[in-house]
Amino acid sequence: MEEKKCSCQTGTVIVYSCSGNANLGQACNELAQRLMERGVGRMGCLAGVGGHVPNMVLSAQSADEVIVLDGCQMGCALKIIEHAEAKASFHLVATDLGLAKKNGKRWSEDEVKVLDEELTRLRRSRNGFVRIE
């Protein structure tokens, strides 16, 4: 039997994002990409975790910080992470911030900005995080 190995490293921050068909799922995905580009963390494969790919599940379970971004109250991303017995350090739901879900529509820069600012506020309040530009 093949040994399971975590694909994460010490101090790892992994961002898991909704990428549903509505504007807010796509805004969450855009934010996850930007966080990765800024060096805040890396994007995790939510489909791989949901598909029970051993190394991806182990990475989610072993990460030092797991950020979960959901577009709406259905909370699909968080449900996948919890089903894999991983723990979210931060969970952000776009509709809880007053943003409107619009099926089949593109995300706006303003929506991504609202999500980014709220995540920055949450992380700063918990652990002294300073946003990386």
Protein backbone atom coordinates (compact mmCIF):
# COMPACT_ATOMS: atom_id res chain seq x y z
CA MET A 1 0.00 0.00 0.00
CA GLU A 2 1.31 3.43 -0.98
CA GLU A 3 2.18 5.73 1.91
CA LYS A 4 0.12 8.91 2.08
CA LYS A 5 2.21 12.05 1.95
CA CYS A 6 1.09 15.57 2.64
CA SER A 7 1.83 17.91 -0.25
CA CYS A 8 1.99 20.87 2.12
CA GLN A 9 4.91 22.40 3.96
CA THR A 10 5.35 23.96 7.38
CA GLY A 11 3.50 27.26 7.63
CA THR A 12 1.23 26.32 4.77
CA VAL A 13 -1.86 28.39 4.02
CA ILE A 14 -4.30 26.77 1.61
CA VAL A 15 -7.25 28.59 0.08
CA TYR A 16 -10.27 26.56 -1.03
CA SER A 17 -12.85 28.39 -3.07
CA CYS A 18 -16.33 27.96 -4.40
CA SER A 19 -16.30 28.32 -8.16
CA GLY A 20 -20.02 28.00 -8.84
CA ASN A 21 -21.80 29.37 -11.87
CA ALA A 22 -22.95 32.58 -10.16
CA ASN A 23 -21.00 35.81 -9.90
CA LEU A 24 -20.08 35.32 -6.24
CA GLY A 25 -18.64 31.83 -6.65
CA GLN A 26 -16.49 33.16 -9.43
CA ALA A 27 -15.55 36.23 -7.33
CA CYS A 28 -14.39 33.86 -4.57
CA ASN A 29 -12.30 31.95 -7.09
CA GLU A 30 -10.78 35.19 -8.38
CA LEU A 31 -9.86 36.21 -4.84
CA ALA A 32 -8.25 32.81 -4.23
CA GLN A 33 -6.11 33.28 -7.33
CA ARG A 34 -5.08 36.76 -6.23
CA LEU A 35 -4.17 35.55 -2.75
CA MET A 36 -1.95 32.92 -4.34
CA GLU A 37 -0.33 35.48 -6.64
CA ARG A 38 0.34 37.78 -3.65
CA GLY A 39 2.01 34.95 -1.76
CA VAL A 40 -0.62 34.69 0.98
CA GLY A 41 -1.09 30.98 0.34
CA ARG A 42 -1.72 28.50 -2.39
CA MET A 43 -4.98 27.39 -3.90
CA GLY A 44 -6.11 23.92 -3.00
CA CYS A 45 -8.11 21.68 -5.29
CA LEU A 46 -11.57 21.53 -3.78
CA ALA A 47 -12.68 18.92 -6.32
CA GLY A 48 -9.75 16.72 -5.30
CA VAL A 49 -10.66 17.00 -1.63
CA GLY A 50 -14.30 16.26 -2.45
CA GLY A 51 -13.19 13.33 -4.60
CA HIS A 52 -11.23 11.92 -1.65
CA VAL A 53 -7.86 12.04 -3.44
CA PRO A 54 -5.64 10.92 -0.54
CA ASN A 55 -2.82 13.45 -0.86
CA MET A 56 -5.23 16.33 -1.36
CA VAL A 57 -7.31 15.34 1.66
CA LEU A 58 -4.16 14.99 3.76
CA SER A 59 -2.97 18.43 2.64
CA ALA A 60 -6.26 19.98 3.73
CA GLN A 61 -6.09 18.19 7.07
CA SER A 62 -2.44 19.10 7.66
CA ALA A 63 -2.34 22.74 6.57
CA ASP A 64 -1.51 25.32 9.22
CA GLU A 65 -4.27 27.58 7.95
CA VAL A 66 -7.25 26.73 5.75
CA ILE A 67 -9.18 29.59 4.19
CA VAL A 68 -12.57 28.65 2.74
CA LEU A 69 -14.42 31.03 0.44
CA ASP A 70 -18.09 30.38 -0.33
CA GLY A 71 -20.29 32.39 -2.66
CA CYS A 72 -23.57 31.78 -0.85
CA GLN A 73 -25.18 30.30 2.24
CA MET A 74 -25.27 26.83 0.71
CA GLY A 75 -21.65 26.61 1.88
CA CYS A 76 -20.56 23.90 -0.56
CA ALA A 77 -16.85 24.60 -0.12
CA LEU A 78 -17.05 24.41 3.67
CA LYS A 79 -19.12 21.22 3.51
CA ILE A 80 -16.47 19.55 1.35
CA ILE A 81 -13.69 20.60 3.75
CA GLU A 82 -15.63 19.39 6.80
CA HIS A 83 -16.55 16.11 5.09
CA ALA A 84 -12.82 15.53 4.59
CA GLU A 85 -12.35 16.05 8.34
CA ALA A 86 -10.29 19.18 7.78
CA LYS A 87 -10.86 22.37 9.73
CA ALA A 88 -11.40 25.81 8.27
CA SER A 89 -9.38 28.54 9.98
CA PHE A 90 -11.41 31.19 8.20
CA HIS A 91 -14.73 30.83 6.38
CA LEU A 92 -16.09 33.70 4.34
CA VAL A 93 -19.57 33.68 2.73
CA ALA A 94 -20.03 36.38 0.10
CA THR A 95 -23.80 36.75 0.56
CA ASP A 96 -23.28 37.33 4.30
CA LEU A 97 -21.45 40.51 3.33
CA GLY A 98 -24.48 41.94 1.55
CA LEU A 99 -23.38 40.90 -1.93
CA ALA A 100 -26.09 39.68 -4.30
CA LYS A 101 -25.86 36.29 -5.96
CA LYS A 102 -26.65 36.49 -9.69
CA ASN A 103 -26.74 33.14 -11.49
CA GLY A 104 -24.91 33.05 -14.78
CA LYS A 105 -23.41 36.53 -14.33
CA ARG A 106 -19.76 37.57 -14.20
CA TRP A 107 -18.10 38.79 -11.01
CA SER A 108 -17.28 42.46 -10.54
CA GLU A 109 -14.12 44.07 -9.22
CA ASP A 110 -16.17 45.59 -6.39
CA GLU A 111 -17.32 42.12 -5.26
CA VAL A 112 -13.76 40.81 -5.16
CA LYS A 113 -12.66 43.92 -3.26
CA VAL A 114 -15.37 43.45 -0.59
CA LEU A 115 -14.34 39.81 -0.11
CA ASP A 116 -10.64 40.69 0.02
CA GLU A 117 -11.15 43.46 2.57
CA GLU A 118 -13.29 41.27 4.84
CA LEU A 119 -10.83 38.38 4.73
CA THR A 120 -7.99 40.79 5.50
CA ARG A 121 -9.96 42.14 8.47
CA LEU A 122 -10.74 38.65 9.79
CA ARG A 123 -7.16 37.43 9.50
CA ARG A 124 -5.73 40.61 11.01
CA SER A 125 -8.08 40.41 13.99
CA ARG A 126 -7.13 36.81 14.66
CA ASN A 127 -3.39 36.72 14.16
CA GLY A 128 -1.89 40.11 13.37
CA PHE A 129 -1.97 39.46 9.64
CA VAL A 130 -0.88 42.31 7.40
CA ARG A 131 -2.12 42.15 3.84
CA ILE A 132 0.54 41.36 1.24
CA GLU A 133 0.34 43.63 -1.80
